[in-house]
Amino acid sequence: MGNTSSILTQYDIEEVQGHCTHACEAVSQQDIVSLYNHFCQLDRNRNGFISSDEFLSVPEFAVNPLSQVSSQMLDGLNFKEFVAFLSAFSSRTTLQQKIEFMFKVYDLECNEKVNFKDLMSVLRDLTGSFMTEQQREVRLLRAAGSLYFFESYFLCRYYLS
């Protein structure tokens, strides 16, 4: 499957299902065949990889506010990675798997941590010119304060009971 071709074998399908981090039940064989056809359409230069620009040519994805953030994850995807990426959006994917995927989207520095800078960048992409940098900081700090309060509250209740 290095270069895209019009033929997808049963072995290829099973290999893709095995690679998919969101489990085989999230992506059926029929889904894989359909996604392969879409992948071949996106892979304009037929090199077996799609660039973030090719992915952004899909109108539904291009208008998504998080498309610029997740486009970093998309650059140079082969077909297996393409299916693994899209499987996060399947209705058969569990909530835990969706949370893990979103964490990867927000972890802009790819250091397995989501810090203030990462969240500010995402918030900047989501709000555009509708909020100032100071308004973003205030919103983010308030949200962090609320999370800290609830976390402290539940920890106290757990240890006191």
Protein backbone atom coordinates (compact mmCIF):
# COMPACT_ATOMS: atom_id res chain seq x y z
CA MET A 1 0.00 0.00 0.00
CA GLY A 2 3.00 2.33 -0.33
CA ASN A 3 1.71 3.91 -3.51
CA THR A 4 -2.00 4.13 -3.95
CA SER A 5 -3.52 1.74 -6.40
CA SER A 6 -7.10 0.92 -7.26
CA ILE A 7 -6.91 -2.53 -5.64
CA LEU A 8 -7.33 -3.11 -1.91
CA THR A 9 -6.86 -6.74 -0.87
CA GLN A 10 -8.36 -8.54 2.12
CA TYR A 11 -4.86 -8.63 3.61
CA ASP A 12 -4.62 -4.82 3.24
CA ILE A 13 -7.99 -4.37 4.93
CA GLU A 14 -6.99 -6.59 7.88
CA GLU A 15 -3.65 -4.81 8.15
CA VAL A 16 -5.42 -1.44 8.34
CA GLN A 17 -7.83 -2.76 10.98
CA GLY A 18 -4.87 -4.03 13.01
CA HIS A 19 -3.16 -0.65 12.78
CA CYS A 20 -6.24 1.28 13.83
CA THR A 21 -5.76 2.37 17.45
CA HIS A 22 -9.50 2.74 17.95
CA ALA A 23 -10.13 -1.03 17.64
CA CYS A 24 -11.45 -3.02 14.72
CA GLU A 25 -15.10 -2.62 15.72
CA ALA A 26 -14.84 1.13 15.12
CA VAL A 27 -13.99 0.68 11.43
CA SER A 28 -15.68 -2.01 9.38
CA GLN A 29 -14.23 -3.56 6.24
CA GLN A 30 -16.84 -1.69 4.23
CA ASP A 31 -15.72 1.59 5.88
CA ILE A 32 -12.11 0.85 4.94
CA VAL A 33 -12.95 0.26 1.28
CA SER A 34 -14.97 3.49 1.17
CA LEU A 35 -12.20 5.43 2.94
CA TYR A 36 -9.64 4.00 0.52
CA ASN A 37 -11.59 5.45 -2.42
CA HIS A 38 -11.68 8.85 -0.67
CA PHE A 39 -7.98 8.59 0.14
CA CYS A 40 -7.15 7.91 -3.51
CA GLN A 41 -9.18 10.97 -4.55
CA LEU A 42 -7.35 13.17 -2.03
CA ASP A 43 -3.90 11.83 -2.95
CA ARG A 44 -3.62 13.99 -6.06
CA ASN A 45 0.02 13.22 -6.81
CA ARG A 46 -0.50 9.46 -6.20
CA ASN A 47 2.47 9.02 -3.86
CA GLY A 48 0.57 7.10 -1.15
CA PHE A 49 0.46 10.03 1.26
CA ILE A 50 -1.85 12.99 1.68
CA SER A 51 -0.69 16.39 2.76
CA SER A 52 -2.57 18.69 5.11
CA ASP A 53 -3.37 20.88 2.07
CA GLU A 54 -4.96 17.92 0.30
CA PHE A 55 -6.94 17.10 3.45
CA LEU A 56 -8.05 20.73 3.79
CA SER A 57 -9.50 20.51 0.28
CA VAL A 58 -12.46 18.68 1.89
CA PRO A 59 -14.91 21.54 2.54
CA GLU A 60 -16.43 19.96 5.68
CA PHE A 61 -13.01 19.70 7.25
CA ALA A 62 -11.70 23.06 6.06
CA VAL A 63 -14.50 24.98 7.80
CA ASN A 64 -13.96 23.20 11.13
CA PRO A 65 -12.38 25.64 13.63
CA LEU A 66 -9.93 22.96 14.76
CA SER A 67 -8.80 22.13 11.22
CA GLN A 68 -5.71 24.32 11.49
CA VAL A 69 -4.67 22.65 14.75
CA SER A 70 -5.31 19.14 13.56
CA SER A 71 -3.76 19.81 10.15
CA GLN A 72 -0.36 19.40 11.84
CA MET A 73 -1.41 15.83 12.66
CA LEU A 74 -2.49 15.22 9.07
CA ASP A 75 0.54 16.22 7.06
CA GLY A 76 2.02 13.19 5.30
CA LEU A 77 -0.55 10.59 6.36
CA ASN A 78 -0.45 7.21 4.66
CA PHE A 79 -3.67 5.24 4.25
CA LYS A 80 -3.39 3.35 7.57
CA GLU A 81 -2.82 6.60 9.47
CA PHE A 82 -5.68 8.24 7.55
CA VAL A 83 -8.10 5.51 8.70
CA ALA A 84 -6.80 5.65 12.29
CA PHE A 85 -7.30 9.43 12.31
CA LEU A 86 -10.84 9.28 10.93
CA SER A 87 -11.85 6.35 13.15
CA ALA A 88 -11.86 8.79 16.09
CA PHE A 89 -14.98 10.34 14.54
CA SER A 90 -16.86 7.05 14.19
CA SER A 91 -20.07 6.62 16.17
CA ARG A 92 -18.67 3.23 17.22
CA THR A 93 -15.62 4.80 18.87
CA THR A 94 -15.88 4.93 22.67
CA LEU A 95 -15.92 8.16 24.64
CA GLN A 96 -12.53 7.26 26.16
CA GLN A 97 -11.02 6.83 22.69
CA LYS A 98 -12.47 10.17 21.57
CA ILE A 99 -11.00 11.86 24.66
CA GLU A 100 -7.58 10.35 23.92
CA PHE A 101 -7.81 11.62 20.35
CA MET A 102 -8.78 15.15 21.44
CA PHE A 103 -5.88 15.14 23.90
CA LYS A 104 -3.54 14.47 20.97
CA VAL A 105 -5.14 17.35 19.05
CA TYR A 106 -4.59 19.75 21.96
CA ASP A 107 -1.05 18.51 22.67
CA LEU A 108 0.48 20.86 20.12
CA GLU A 109 4.05 20.30 21.29
CA CYS A 110 3.62 16.49 21.14
CA ASN A 111 5.06 16.13 24.64
CA GLU A 112 2.09 14.21 26.11
CA LYS A 113 1.09 17.31 28.09
CA VAL A 114 -1.52 19.95 27.42
CA ASN A 115 -0.30 23.21 28.89
CA PHE A 116 -1.61 26.76 29.08
CA LYS A 117 0.17 27.71 25.84
CA ASP A 118 -1.47 24.80 23.98
CA LEU A 119 -4.93 25.73 25.23
CA MET A 120 -4.41 29.40 24.40
CA SER A 121 -3.45 28.46 20.86
CA VAL A 122 -6.55 26.31 20.43
CA LEU A 123 -8.75 28.99 21.97
CA ARG A 124 -7.19 31.54 19.60
CA ASP A 125 -8.10 29.32 16.63
CA LEU A 126 -11.64 28.85 17.90
CA THR A 127 -12.38 32.50 18.70
CA GLY A 128 -10.42 34.30 16.01
CA SER A 129 -10.88 38.05 16.18
CA PHE A 130 -13.98 37.78 18.39
CA MET A 131 -11.90 37.83 21.59
CA THR A 132 -8.81 39.70 22.63
CA GLU A 133 -5.80 37.87 23.99
CA GLN A 134 -6.63 39.18 27.46
CA GLN A 135 -10.23 37.91 27.24
CA ARG A 136 -8.92 34.49 26.22
CA GLU A 137 -6.56 34.39 29.17
CA VAL A 138 -9.32 35.36 31.60
CA ARG A 139 -11.68 32.70 30.23
CA LEU A 140 -9.01 30.04 30.35
CA LEU A 141 -7.92 30.94 33.89
CA ARG A 142 -11.53 30.94 35.08
CA ALA A 143 -12.08 27.53 33.54
CA ALA A 144 -8.88 26.23 35.14
CA GLY A 145 -9.95 27.66 38.50
CA SER A 146 -13.32 25.92 38.26
CA LEU A 147 -11.67 22.62 37.42
CA TYR A 148 -9.28 23.03 40.35
CA PHE A 149 -12.20 23.77 42.69
CA PHE A 150 -14.16 20.70 41.61
CA GLU A 151 -11.09 18.48 41.72
CA SER A 152 -10.27 19.69 45.27
CA TYR A 153 -13.89 19.27 46.34
CA PHE A 154 -14.10 15.67 45.13
CA LEU A 155 -10.69 14.75 46.57
CA CYS A 156 -11.73 16.13 49.99
CA ARG A 157 -15.01 14.22 49.88
CA TYR A 158 -13.16 11.03 48.90
CA TYR A 159 -10.60 11.26 51.71
CA LEU A 160 -13.09 12.44 54.34
CA SER A 161 -15.61 9.70 53.71
